[in-house]
Amino acid sequence: MLVPVFSLQLNNKVFPRTVAVGKFNGKRSCLVGATAGNKVFIHSPQDNNPQAQQLEGNVSLLNVNQVVTSLACGQLDEQLKKDLLVVGTNTNITAYDIDRNVDLFFKETPDGAHAITIGKWGELPEQLAIVGGNCSIHGFNKKSEDVLWTVTGDHVSSLALLDFNGDGYNELVVGSQDYDIRVFREDQLISEMQETETIVSLCPLIGARFGYALANGTVGIYERSNRNWRIKSRSIAIVLQAYDVDGDGVDELVTGWSNGKVDIRSDRNGEVIFKDSLNSSVAGIVKADYRVPGENLLICCSNEGEVRGFKFSEQGVNAAAANLYKDQQEAIRDLAQKKQALLLEHQNIQDAIEKIKKPGNEQNKTVALDPAAEIPANTEIQTILTVEQTRNDSPAHIAIRMKTSNHTIIRVVTLFAEGLFKGECLVVHPAANQVRENIVVPIIPPRDAPVDLHLQIFVGLKSSTLYHVFELARPLPMFSMYLLTENSPEGEPKGFISFTINERIPRVLVWINHHFLLAQEYAPNTPSLFVTFLAVRNNEKLIIKMQNTGQITIRTDDMELAGNI
């Protein structure tokens, strides 16, 4: 596990997500970060005593003269055998040779530099400073040449290099403010994952795994395009880092939070295996041999300038036995949680029985012991999703209509869904005099994205004190806020995009039925395809046409919608 080895105070404010570490003379690691006054601090440790409680060193300041938006350290020029510092602002990037105190290059970046990473990208032979700006990504070499350029969907908020597809070359994982994670093999987009908020941090892990953090407090791990797990906190995740905390040779995911908490989670299931707390919000987390060469430390920095270092400490001679013991403890913990849940359920039933048996409770007793008070075994829940237009004071929405198959009533409905509700949960609890066998729950998706709805429906009789819980799952397709309407030349959009695909019309019909929320399957008996939808958010039309030749025309005045389709 981790043990603290040093603590220090920089006496400088530190801006979030602008902390890095580099060996600017090729030997000793230095901590760098953006601070107030448009400056970058550079902290060089001097004390090599591993038992020291305080770490003294030199802090020097580099004047940038513009607000620092991002920075990174790395061997941009491999011939120098040392790291360079690349600093990004809203208008340019500058590469500094800190050891010689000179600028390597200065480059204008009109799109800004919101995120920077240094490394090899794809099959390009040289190291690049990869800069993410306003919808653009640039790769600059040591001569400041823009050797690779591509575009992405929105402001770039985070970058990471890793071998995503196992081909032996690094792909670039890009997080942006349009809630998408995109993967580029050089300038080719090879994968795209939709999330529910801005991606604020990305972190490469072992193989094709990488961690991600969102602006709403969500943290998780993807393996290629598949999400392994995720958790959500009321705090905001600031930065991610990878560090082997248990000595098993596999990096765990380290998260720094806005409340100062630092936690380390298992890469397998997200369980917390270590946590600590700084006195203020975390600004950055890095790993480096900061005090003893060859001994990697985990270094956490707060926005008030507090720095703490941790190292891995062997707590057992036999590492294999320790890992086996840890797996056994995890299994025991899982069984203990199941046991606790069963005990709680048993206790609730006992409490209900005791309440019924109390004197003066004859009415409840009669109802509870009457077989007719129990819901029939064949009770089912019917659910229908429909698109509803704006009417009077009711905005456009998706209506989830639920109804029991008999005389039972629906008492409570709980919905769980990513990105739809604050806290990702909505509870609908009608008043006692308004409960009936059916209920309608309106939801308003904020954007076009597929969502899995998980419903818990509490069903019983009007006199029931205990309810049966039905758990259902319904997928909400990506284009659920579009209503199928009649074809008409009136109000036809002026904007359009046209292209040709090597598919037949029936295949496109399958795609339409899968991605739009339709009352029944759309299957026109015509030689060509002509379908019109009404976007209920703004009452604008979307028209999709296709000829037998494979030519498709999408008519819409919404460029983002055209791109999504």
Foldseek 3Di string as FASTA:
>chain_A
DKDFQEKEFPQFFFAAQAWEWWFLQLFAIWIWGDTPPQKIKIWAWDDQPSNDHYTDTDIDIGHPVAHWQYKYWDCLPVVSNTIWIWTWHCFWIWIASVVVGDTLDIGTDNQTFNYWDWQFAAPDDGIWTWGFGAQKIFTAGSNRDRPAIEGHDGGWQEWDWDDQPPPPGTWIWTWHQVQKTWIGRGHDTDDIEGAQGGWNEKEDWPHNKIWTFGQQAKIFMDRRRRTQDIDGDNWGWRYWYWDDQQPPPGTWIWTFTQAQKIFTAHNRYRHTDDIDGDNGGWRDWDWDPNRHPPFIWIWTAHSSRMIIIMGHDDPDDDSVVVVVVVVVVVVVVVVVVVVVVVVVVVVVVVVVVVVCPDPPNVVLVVLVPDPVQWDDPPKDKDWAWDWDFDDDPDHTWIKIKIFIPDFKWWAKKKKAKGNFDNVRIDIDGDDLVPIGRMDIDTTHRPAQDKMKIWMWTWIGHSSDPHTDIDIDIDIQARAAQKAWDDDDPPQFAPDKDKDFDPDAPVVVQVVCQRRYRDPDRDDDPDQWDWTWIARSNVRHIWIWTAHRRRMIMITDPDPVVNVVD
